[in-house]
C-alpha atoms as a PDB file:
ATOM      1  CA  MET A   1       4.908  -2.214   1.853  1.00  0.00           C
ATOM      2  CA  SER A   2       4.407  -3.032  -1.799  1.00  0.00           C
ATOM      3  CA  VAL A   3       1.137  -3.654  -3.580  1.00  0.00           C
ATOM      4  CA  PRO A   4       1.789  -7.437  -3.671  1.00  0.00           C
ATOM      5  CA  ALA A   5       2.368  -7.480   0.103  1.00  0.00           C
ATOM      6  CA  VAL A   6      -0.884  -5.632   0.795  1.00  0.00           C
ATOM      7  CA  LEU A   7      -2.775  -7.859  -1.626  1.00  0.00           C
ATOM      8  CA  ALA A   8      -1.364 -10.933   0.112  1.00  0.00           C
ATOM      9  CA  GLU A   9      -2.538  -9.607   3.478  1.00  0.00           C
ATOM     10  CA  LEU A  10      -5.945  -8.839   2.008  1.00  0.00           C
ATOM     11  CA  ARG A  11      -6.312 -12.340   0.542  1.00  0.00           C
ATOM     12  CA  ALA A  12      -5.227 -13.863   3.869  1.00  0.00           C
ATOM     13  CA  ALA A  13      -7.894 -11.825   5.652  1.00  0.00           C
ATOM     14  CA  GLU A  14     -10.532 -13.053   3.197  1.00  0.00           C
ATOM     15  CA  SER A  15      -9.458 -16.648   3.709  1.00  0.00           C
ATOM     16  CA  SER A  16      -9.354 -16.413   7.513  1.00  0.00           C
ATOM     17  CA  CYS A  17     -13.015 -15.400   7.687  1.00  0.00           C
ATOM     18  CA  GLY A  18     -14.225 -17.782   4.984  1.00  0.00           C
ATOM     19  CA  ARG A  19     -14.727 -15.238   2.213  1.00  0.00           C
ATOM     20  CA  PRO A  20     -13.856 -16.066  -1.413  1.00  0.00           C
ATOM     21  CA  ALA A  21     -10.528 -14.814  -2.720  1.00  0.00           C
ATOM     22  CA  GLY A  22     -11.055 -11.572  -4.605  1.00  0.00           C
ATOM     23  CA  SER A  23     -14.345 -10.732  -2.911  1.00  0.00           C
ATOM     24  CA  VAL A  24     -12.803  -7.494  -1.570  1.00  0.00           C
ATOM     25  CA  ARG A  25     -11.379  -4.938  -4.001  1.00  0.00           C
ATOM     26  CA  LEU A  26      -8.275  -2.935  -3.188  1.00  0.00           C
ATOM     27  CA  LEU A  27      -8.599   0.767  -4.019  1.00  0.00           C
ATOM     28  CA  ALA A  28      -5.219   2.522  -4.191  1.00  0.00           C
ATOM     29  CA  VAL A  29      -5.504   5.971  -2.613  1.00  0.00           C
ATOM     30  CA  THR A  30      -3.199   8.434  -4.380  1.00  0.00           C
ATOM     31  CA  LYS A  31      -3.633  11.493  -2.132  1.00  0.00           C
ATOM     32  CA  GLY A  32      -0.355  13.411  -1.926  1.00  0.00           C
ATOM     33  CA  ARG A  33       1.441  11.110  -4.370  1.00  0.00           C
ATOM     34  CA  SER A  34       2.826  12.242  -7.686  1.00  0.00           C
ATOM     35  CA  ALA A  35       1.632  10.781 -10.951  1.00  0.00           C
ATOM     36  CA  GLU A  36       5.082   9.256 -11.382  1.00  0.00           C
ATOM     37  CA  GLN A  37       4.887   7.515  -8.001  1.00  0.00           C
ATOM     38  CA  VAL A  38       1.466   6.133  -8.903  1.00  0.00           C
ATOM     39  CA  ARG A  39       2.709   5.016 -12.316  1.00  0.00           C
ATOM     40  CA  GLU A  40       5.657   3.142 -10.813  1.00  0.00           C
ATOM     41  CA  ARG A  41       4.125   1.665  -7.671  1.00  0.00           C
ATOM     42  CA  VAL A  42       0.475   1.000  -8.542  1.00  0.00           C
ATOM     43  CA  LEU A  43      -0.354   0.977 -12.249  1.00  0.00           C
ATOM     44  CA  PRO A  44       1.297  -2.387 -13.003  1.00  0.00           C
ATOM     45  CA  TYR A  45      -1.321  -4.055 -10.770  1.00  0.00           C
ATOM     46  CA  ARG A  46      -4.366  -2.581 -12.540  1.00  0.00           C
ATOM     47  CA  LEU A  47      -6.015  -1.337  -9.362  1.00  0.00           C
ATOM     48  CA  PRO A  48      -8.751   1.287  -9.214  1.00  0.00           C
ATOM     49  CA  LEU A  49      -7.394   4.621  -7.982  1.00  0.00           C
ATOM     50  CA  GLY A  50      -8.899   6.934  -5.380  1.00  0.00           C
ATOM     51  CA  GLU A  51      -8.338  10.653  -4.857  1.00  0.00           C
ATOM     52  CA  ASN A  52      -9.494  13.020  -2.111  1.00  0.00           C
ATOM     53  CA  ARG A  53      -9.117  16.398  -3.809  1.00  0.00           C
ATOM     54  CA  SER A  54     -10.822  17.406  -7.036  1.00  0.00           C
ATOM     55  CA  ARG A  55      -7.846  19.414  -8.326  1.00  0.00           C
ATOM     56  CA  GLU A  56      -5.417  16.535  -7.756  1.00  0.00           C
ATOM     57  CA  LEU A  57      -7.927  14.210  -9.364  1.00  0.00           C
ATOM     58  CA  GLU A  58      -8.082  16.311 -12.523  1.00  0.00           C
ATOM     59  CA  GLU A  59      -4.295  16.550 -12.740  1.00  0.00           C
ATOM     60  CA  LYS A  60      -3.792  12.822 -12.286  1.00  0.00           C
ATOM     61  CA  GLN A  61      -6.590  11.894 -14.681  1.00  0.00           C
ATOM     62  CA  ALA A  62      -4.773  13.935 -17.332  1.00  0.00           C
ATOM     63  CA  ALA A  63      -1.376  12.413 -16.474  1.00  0.00           C
ATOM     64  CA  LEU A  64      -2.657   8.828 -16.112  1.00  0.00           C
ATOM     65  CA  PRO A  65      -5.332   8.324 -18.778  1.00  0.00           C
ATOM     66  CA  GLY A  66      -7.434   5.216 -19.014  1.00  0.00           C
ATOM     67  CA  GLN A  67      -7.590   4.470 -15.279  1.00  0.00           C
ATOM     68  CA  GLU A  68     -10.599   3.739 -13.084  1.00  0.00           C
ATOM     69  CA  TRP A  69     -10.936   6.666 -10.668  1.00  0.00           C
ATOM     70  CA  HIS A  70     -12.951   7.003  -7.451  1.00  0.00           C
ATOM     71  CA  PHE A  71     -13.514  10.250  -5.535  1.00  0.00           C
ATOM     72  CA  LEU A  72     -13.239  10.022  -1.747  1.00  0.00           C
ATOM     73  CA  GLY A  73     -13.149  13.604  -0.518  1.00  0.00           C
ATOM     74  CA  THR A  74     -15.666  16.101   0.755  1.00  0.00           C
ATOM     75  CA  LEU A  75     -18.117  17.082  -1.972  1.00  0.00           C
ATOM     76  CA  GLN A  76     -18.480  20.762  -2.722  1.00  0.00           C
ATOM     77  CA  ARG A  77     -20.964  22.092  -5.238  1.00  0.00           C
ATOM     78  CA  SER A  78     -18.231  24.043  -7.037  1.00  0.00           C
ATOM     79  CA  SER A  79     -16.292  20.839  -7.701  1.00  0.00           C
ATOM     80  CA  LEU A  80     -19.091  18.342  -8.326  1.00  0.00           C
ATOM     81  CA  ARG A  81     -19.202  19.142 -12.023  1.00  0.00           C
ATOM     82  CA  HIS A  82     -15.561  18.023 -12.323  1.00  0.00           C
ATOM     83  CA  LEU A  83     -16.329  14.587 -10.883  1.00  0.00           C
ATOM     84  CA  LEU A  84     -18.764  13.292 -13.471  1.00  0.00           C
ATOM     85  CA  GLY A  85     -16.053  11.275 -15.217  1.00  0.00           C
ATOM     86  CA  VAL A  86     -15.147   9.129 -12.213  1.00  0.00           C
ATOM     87  CA  THR A  87     -16.440   5.599 -11.744  1.00  0.00           C
ATOM     88  CA  MET A  88     -17.630   6.071  -8.183  1.00  0.00           C
ATOM     89  CA  ILE A  89     -18.133   8.865  -5.640  1.00  0.00           C
ATOM     90  CA  HIS A  90     -17.805   7.553  -2.071  1.00  0.00           C
ATOM     91  CA  SER A  91     -18.770  10.664  -0.133  1.00  0.00           C
ATOM     92  CA  VAL A  92     -22.389  11.688  -0.755  1.00  0.00           C
ATOM     93  CA  THR A  93     -23.856  13.076   2.467  1.00  0.00           C
ATOM     94  CA  SER A  94     -26.944  15.148   1.621  1.00  0.00           C
ATOM     95  CA  ALA A  95     -30.116  15.439  -0.414  1.00  0.00           C
ATOM     96  CA  GLY A  96     -28.745  18.593  -2.040  1.00  0.00           C
ATOM     97  CA  GLN A  97     -25.771  16.708  -3.433  1.00  0.00           C
ATOM     98  CA  LEU A  98     -28.032  14.003  -4.848  1.00  0.00           C
ATOM     99  CA  GLU A  99     -30.284  16.592  -6.473  1.00  0.00           C
ATOM    100  CA  PHE A 100     -27.315  18.438  -7.973  1.00  0.00           C
ATOM    101  CA  LEU A 101     -25.892  15.202  -9.386  1.00  0.00           C
ATOM    102  CA  ALA A 102     -29.245  14.311 -10.880  1.00  0.00           C
ATOM    103  CA  ARG A 103     -29.459  17.699 -12.613  1.00  0.00           C
ATOM    104  CA  ARG A 104     -25.879  17.724 -13.874  1.00  0.00           C
ATOM    105  CA  ALA A 105     -25.205  14.067 -14.599  1.00  0.00           C
ATOM    106  CA  GLY A 106     -28.565  12.467 -15.320  1.00  0.00           C
ATOM    107  CA  GLU A 107     -28.135   8.967 -16.693  1.00  0.00           C
ATOM    108  CA  SER A 108     -24.346   9.394 -16.846  1.00  0.00           C
ATOM    109  CA  SER A 109     -23.970   9.802 -13.079  1.00  0.00           C
ATOM    110  CA  PRO A 110     -21.070   7.970 -11.447  1.00  0.00           C
ATOM    111  CA  GLN A 111     -21.945   5.158  -9.090  1.00  0.00           C
ATOM    112  CA  LEU A 112     -22.626   6.584  -5.640  1.00  0.00           C
ATOM    113  CA  LEU A 113     -22.010   5.668  -2.028  1.00  0.00           C
ATOM    114  CA  LEU A 114     -23.514   7.433   0.970  1.00  0.00           C
ATOM    115  CA  GLN A 115     -20.883   8.371   3.541  1.00  0.00           C
ATOM    116  CA  VAL A 116     -22.099   7.473   7.024  1.00  0.00           C
ATOM    117  CA  HIS A 117     -21.102   9.608   9.991  1.00  0.00           C
ATOM    118  CA  ASN A 118     -19.039   7.545  12.419  1.00  0.00           C
ATOM    119  CA  GLY A 119     -19.907   9.523  15.545  1.00  0.00           C
ATOM    120  CA  GLU A 120     -16.758  11.653  15.714  1.00  0.00           C
ATOM    121  CA  PRO A 121     -17.608  15.383  15.713  1.00  0.00           C
ATOM    122  CA  GLN A 122     -14.782  16.283  13.332  1.00  0.00           C
ATOM    123  CA  LYS A 123     -15.781  13.761  10.673  1.00  0.00           C
ATOM    124  CA  GLN A 124     -18.147  14.223   7.727  1.00  0.00           C
ATOM    125  CA  GLY A 125     -21.062  11.966   6.961  1.00  0.00           C
ATOM    126  CA  ALA A 126     -24.810  11.553   6.900  1.00  0.00           C
ATOM    127  CA  ASP A 127     -26.522  10.798  10.171  1.00  0.00           C
ATOM    128  CA  PRO A 128     -27.531   7.114  10.183  1.00  0.00           C
ATOM    129  CA  ASP A 129     -31.165   8.133  10.685  1.00  0.00           C
ATOM    130  CA  GLN A 130     -31.036   9.994   7.354  1.00  0.00           C
ATOM    131  CA  LEU A 131     -29.883   7.019   5.303  1.00  0.00           C
ATOM    132  CA  PRO A 132     -33.329   5.587   4.395  1.00  0.00           C
ATOM    133  CA  ALA A 133     -34.574   8.972   3.165  1.00  0.00           C
ATOM    134  CA  LEU A 134     -31.398   9.553   1.145  1.00  0.00           C
ATOM    135  CA  ALA A 135     -31.656   6.092  -0.391  1.00  0.00           C
ATOM    136  CA  ARG A 136     -35.301   6.719  -1.336  1.00  0.00           C
ATOM    137  CA  LEU A 137     -34.379  10.061  -2.904  1.00  0.00           C
ATOM    138  CA  ALA A 138     -31.573   8.468  -4.928  1.00  0.00           C
ATOM    139  CA  ALA A 139     -34.061   5.916  -6.249  1.00  0.00           C
ATOM    140  CA  GLN A 140     -36.600   8.632  -7.103  1.00  0.00           C
ATOM    141  CA  LEU A 141     -33.892  10.549  -8.965  1.00  0.00           C
ATOM    142  CA  GLN A 142     -32.795   7.344 -10.725  1.00  0.00           C
ATOM    143  CA  LEU A 143     -29.257   7.711  -9.449  1.00  0.00           C
ATOM    144  CA  PRO A 144     -27.041   4.601  -9.197  1.00  0.00           C
ATOM    145  CA  LEU A 145     -26.692   4.318  -5.429  1.00  0.00           C
ATOM    146  CA  GLN A 146     -24.574   1.240  -4.706  1.00  0.00           C
ATOM    147  CA  GLY A 147     -23.776   1.228  -1.018  1.00  0.00           C
ATOM    148  CA  LEU A 148     -22.226   2.923   2.002  1.00  0.00           C
ATOM    149  CA  MET A 149     -18.822   4.292   2.964  1.00  0.00           C
ATOM    150  CA  VAL A 150     -17.554   4.897   6.477  1.00  0.00           C
ATOM    151  CA  MET A 151     -14.325   6.015   8.124  1.00  0.00           C
ATOM    152  CA  ALA A 152     -13.656   4.295  11.444  1.00  0.00           C
ATOM    153  CA  PRO A 153     -12.179   6.064  14.473  1.00  0.00           C
ATOM    154  CA  ALA A 154      -8.388   5.987  14.202  1.00  0.00           C
ATOM    155  CA  GLY A 155      -6.280   3.988  16.616  1.00  0.00           C
ATOM    156  CA  ASP A 156      -9.052   1.911  18.175  1.00  0.00           C
ATOM    157  CA  LEU A 157      -9.714  -1.400  16.444  1.00  0.00           C
ATOM    158  CA  ALA A 158     -12.534  -2.344  18.826  1.00  0.00           C
ATOM    159  CA  ALA A 159     -14.343   0.899  17.979  1.00  0.00           C
ATOM    160  CA  ALA A 160     -13.580   0.359  14.295  1.00  0.00           C
ATOM    161  CA  ARG A 161     -15.165  -3.085  14.446  1.00  0.00           C
ATOM    162  CA  ARG A 162     -18.327  -1.650  16.005  1.00  0.00           C
ATOM    163  CA  VAL A 163     -18.557   1.047  13.318  1.00  0.00           C
ATOM    164  CA  PHE A 164     -17.984  -1.460  10.520  1.00  0.00           C
ATOM    165  CA  ALA A 165     -20.533  -3.924  11.884  1.00  0.00           C
ATOM    166  CA  ARG A 166     -23.143  -1.197  12.292  1.00  0.00           C
ATOM    167  CA  THR A 167     -22.530   0.075   8.763  1.00  0.00           C
ATOM    168  CA  ARG A 168     -22.816  -3.441   7.335  1.00  0.00           C
ATOM    169  CA  GLN A 169     -26.225  -3.835   8.997  1.00  0.00           C
ATOM    170  CA  GLN A 170     -27.340  -0.434   7.690  1.00  0.00           C
ATOM    171  CA  ALA A 171     -26.395  -1.493   4.160  1.00  0.00           C
ATOM    172  CA  LEU A 172     -28.275  -4.767   4.549  1.00  0.00           C
ATOM    173  CA  ASP A 173     -31.353  -2.908   5.803  1.00  0.00           C
ATOM    174  CA  LEU A 174     -31.232  -0.689   2.703  1.00  0.00           C
ATOM    175  CA  GLY A 175     -30.574  -3.545   0.291  1.00  0.00           C
ATOM    176  CA  LEU A 176     -27.210  -2.095  -0.761  1.00  0.00           C
ATOM    177  CA  GLY A 177     -24.288  -4.334  -1.661  1.00  0.00           C
ATOM    178  CA  VAL A 178     -21.142  -2.193  -1.682  1.00  0.00           C
ATOM    179  CA  LEU A 179     -19.329  -1.433   1.572  1.00  0.00           C
ATOM    180  CA  SER A 180     -16.336   0.892   1.313  1.00  0.00           C
ATOM    181  CA  MET A 181     -14.756   0.236   4.716  1.00  0.00           C
ATOM    182  CA  GLY A 182     -11.194  -0.093   5.909  1.00  0.00           C
ATOM    183  CA  MET A 183      -7.954   1.819   5.463  1.00  0.00           C
ATOM    184  CA  SER A 184      -4.263   1.094   6.002  1.00  0.00           C
ATOM    185  CA  ASP A 185      -4.480   0.390   9.745  1.00  0.00           C
ATOM    186  CA  ASP A 186      -7.860  -1.333  10.029  1.00  0.00           C
ATOM    187  CA  PHE A 187      -8.642  -3.035   6.738  1.00  0.00           C
ATOM    188  CA  VAL A 188      -8.291  -6.573   8.124  1.00  0.00           C
ATOM    189  CA  VAL A 189     -11.034  -5.844  10.673  1.00  0.00           C
ATOM    190  CA  ALA A 190     -13.107  -4.253   7.895  1.00  0.00           C
ATOM    191  CA  VAL A 191     -12.838  -7.417   5.789  1.00  0.00           C
ATOM    192  CA  GLU A 192     -13.934  -9.503   8.767  1.00  0.00           C
ATOM    193  CA  GLU A 193     -16.980  -7.245   9.114  1.00  0.00           C
ATOM    194  CA  GLY A 194     -18.052  -7.459   5.480  1.00  0.00           C
ATOM    195  CA  SER A 195     -16.209  -4.756   3.543  1.00  0.00           C
ATOM    196  CA  THR A 196     -16.260  -5.163  -0.231  1.00  0.00           C
ATOM    197  CA  LEU A 197     -13.778  -2.365  -0.965  1.00  0.00           C
ATOM    198  CA  VAL A 198     -10.814  -1.209   1.139  1.00  0.00           C
ATOM    199  CA  ARG A 199      -9.106   2.157   0.639  1.00  0.00           C
ATOM    200  CA  ILE A 200      -5.344   1.848   1.099  1.00  0.00           C
ATOM    201  CA  GLY A 201      -2.854   4.661   0.542  1.00  0.00           C
ATOM    202  CA  ARG A 202       0.135   4.934   2.887  1.00  0.00           C
ATOM    203  CA  ARG A 203       0.973   1.239   3.033  1.00  0.00           C
ATOM    204  CA  LEU A 204       1.233   0.986  -0.742  1.00  0.00           C
ATOM    205  CA  PHE A 205       3.921   3.658  -0.859  1.00  0.00           C
ATOM    206  CA  GLU A 206       6.026   2.870   2.234  1.00  0.00           C
END
C-alpha cells in the first residue's frame, strides 16, 4: 500500500468511531528500509519517522536531515547517548533508563513513553504494576514523560483489543495523554481503543 492509502484507512477508522480527523498520528517505521526508499515513499508526506536500531537511526538521520525521528527499539545503555537528538523514545522500561536519561540529557531529554509489557514472555516492557512508580520517578527527575507504548499479540485481534483497552485505562489512571498503539495489522482496532499514534512500516512499503 502507499502512504495515501494507509492515511485514508486511518481517517476512515477515526470517523467510524467518532474521533476527529487527524486525532491519530501516523508514524512511518523505517526498519530495514534504505534511506532512498524512505525518501521516495514517505518524505513527501511529512510524516514522523521511527527506527528500531540505534545504528540505523544514526545512518538515516545523517542521510535524511531535518526529519522528526522516534526511537522504538530496545534501549541499551551503550546506545542511549546516541538517542538524545530524537523527538520521542517509545521504549523506556526501567528506573535505570530514566535515571541515565536524566543524567545525560537533563532538560534536553526527548519526550518519553513507557513501554508496557503485553503479557507475552518474549516481549519487552515494564510490568503494569511498575507504571505508577516509573511515572513518579520521571516526574521527580523532571523528564518529559508523555504516555505509554504497547505491542499487541500478533495475529489475534481480540487479544489486541484487550491489550489496547487495558493500556488506555493505565494511561488515564496516570494522567498521560499519548498512546502509541497499533501496527500494520491491528491499527484500526488500536484507533477504536484510543490510540493517538500508530506505528506503520510494512504496509507503507508494499
